Amino acid sequence: MNIPTTYLEFQDSLELQNPPQSWPATLQSLWFLANDNWEASHTIAQDIEGPMGNLIHAHLHRVEGDKWNAAYWYKQAGTSFPEISLEEELKQLVNLIIS
C-alpha cells in the first residue's frame, strides 16, 4: 500500500493488520496510535529524531494523560500545548506527514 494522500485514506488503512513497512516511521507510529496500540506507537516514536518526532512523542504523552511530560515534548518541538482535541491533533499530525 502506498503512503496515504488524504486523512481518509489513512483512516481506511487502519483495517490492515499492520502499517506498511514502506511508510515512514512517523506515519507508522501514528497508525499504531490510531489503532489503540499506544505501546507500539511510543516504541517507534522514541527513535524518531527532530521536531516531528518530538510532536508525536508529545501527543502520545497527552493521550496518556501525562500533561507534564507532554508539555516537555511540545517545548522540545518548539510549540505550545495545543488547545484542540486529541482527535484533531492526530489528524493534523497525519496531514503534516502526508502533505
Protein backbone atom coordinates (compact mmCIF):
# COMPACT_ATOMS: atom_id res chain seq x y z
CA MET A 1 0.00 0.00 0.00
CA ASN A 2 1.26 3.44 -0.91
CA ILE A 3 1.54 6.27 1.57
CA PRO A 4 -1.93 7.79 2.00
CA THR A 5 -2.52 11.11 0.31
CA THR A 6 -5.52 12.07 2.46
CA TYR A 7 -6.55 11.58 6.07
CA LEU A 8 -9.49 9.47 4.84
CA GLU A 9 -7.04 7.10 3.12
CA PHE A 10 -5.09 6.92 6.39
CA GLN A 11 -8.28 6.03 8.25
CA ASP A 12 -9.08 3.35 5.66
CA SER A 13 -5.62 1.83 6.22
CA LEU A 14 -6.49 1.17 9.86
CA GLU A 15 -8.22 -2.02 8.70
CA LEU A 16 -4.82 -3.53 7.81
CA GLN A 17 -3.08 -5.91 10.23
CA ASN A 18 -0.05 -3.60 10.41
CA PRO A 19 1.10 -0.41 8.75
CA PRO A 20 3.10 -0.96 5.57
CA GLN A 21 6.84 -1.21 6.19
CA SER A 22 7.39 1.22 3.32
CA TRP A 23 5.74 4.01 5.31
CA PRO A 24 7.93 6.44 7.25
CA ALA A 25 8.31 5.72 10.96
CA THR A 26 6.31 8.84 11.79
CA LEU A 27 3.25 7.55 9.95
CA GLN A 28 3.68 4.02 11.29
CA SER A 29 3.74 5.40 14.83
CA LEU A 30 0.52 7.33 14.30
CA TRP A 31 -1.07 4.29 12.66
CA PHE A 32 -0.44 2.22 15.78
CA LEU A 33 -1.80 5.00 17.97
CA ALA A 34 -4.94 5.26 15.85
CA ASN A 35 -5.32 1.50 16.30
CA ASP A 36 -5.19 1.85 20.09
CA ASN A 37 -1.68 0.43 20.41
CA TRP A 38 -0.01 3.17 22.46
CA GLU A 39 2.99 0.99 23.36
CA ALA A 40 3.90 0.16 19.75
CA SER A 41 3.42 3.79 18.77
CA HIS A 42 5.62 5.01 21.62
CA THR A 43 8.34 2.47 20.85
CA ILE A 44 8.58 3.82 17.31
CA ALA A 45 8.29 7.47 18.35
CA GLN A 46 11.21 7.20 20.77
CA ASP A 47 13.53 6.58 17.79
CA ILE A 48 12.24 9.46 15.64
CA GLU A 49 14.51 12.49 15.91
CA GLY A 50 13.65 16.07 15.14
CA PRO A 51 10.58 18.25 15.50
CA MET A 52 8.08 15.71 14.11
CA GLY A 53 9.36 13.02 16.45
CA ASN A 54 9.00 15.46 19.34
CA LEU A 55 5.45 16.37 18.28
CA ILE A 56 4.41 12.73 18.05
CA HIS A 57 6.05 11.99 21.40
CA ALA A 58 4.22 14.97 22.93
CA HIS A 59 0.90 13.83 21.50
CA LEU A 60 1.44 10.32 22.86
CA HIS A 61 2.03 11.62 26.37
CA ARG A 62 -1.01 13.87 26.03
CA VAL A 63 -3.07 10.80 25.07
CA GLU A 64 -1.61 9.02 28.08
CA GLY A 65 -2.74 11.87 30.33
CA ASP A 66 0.80 12.84 31.34
CA LYS A 67 0.45 16.59 30.83
CA TRP A 68 3.83 17.45 32.34
CA ASN A 69 5.72 15.07 30.05
CA ALA A 70 3.65 16.16 27.04
CA ALA A 71 4.44 19.83 27.78
CA TYR A 72 8.15 18.97 27.85
CA TRP A 73 7.97 17.37 24.39
CA TYR A 74 5.89 20.20 22.93
CA LYS A 75 8.58 22.59 24.17
CA GLN A 76 11.25 20.39 22.54
CA ALA A 77 9.25 20.64 19.30
CA GLY A 78 9.18 24.43 19.60
CA THR A 79 5.44 24.70 20.04
CA SER A 80 2.93 25.24 22.81
CA PHE A 81 0.50 22.78 24.35
CA PRO A 82 -2.45 22.53 21.90
CA GLU A 83 -5.98 23.57 22.77
CA ILE A 84 -7.57 21.22 20.24
CA SER A 85 -8.98 17.74 20.79
CA LEU A 86 -6.74 14.68 20.66
CA GLU A 87 -8.56 13.54 17.53
CA GLU A 88 -8.00 16.85 15.76
CA GLU A 89 -4.34 16.84 16.74
CA LEU A 90 -3.90 13.31 15.38
CA LYS A 91 -5.48 14.43 12.11
CA GLN A 92 -3.14 17.44 11.95
CA LEU A 93 -0.09 15.28 12.58
CA VAL A 94 -1.06 12.79 9.88
CA ASN A 95 -1.72 15.61 7.43
CA LEU A 96 1.69 17.16 8.18
CA ILE A 97 3.36 13.87 7.30
CA ILE A 98 1.42 13.09 4.14
CA SER A 99 1.40 16.62 2.70
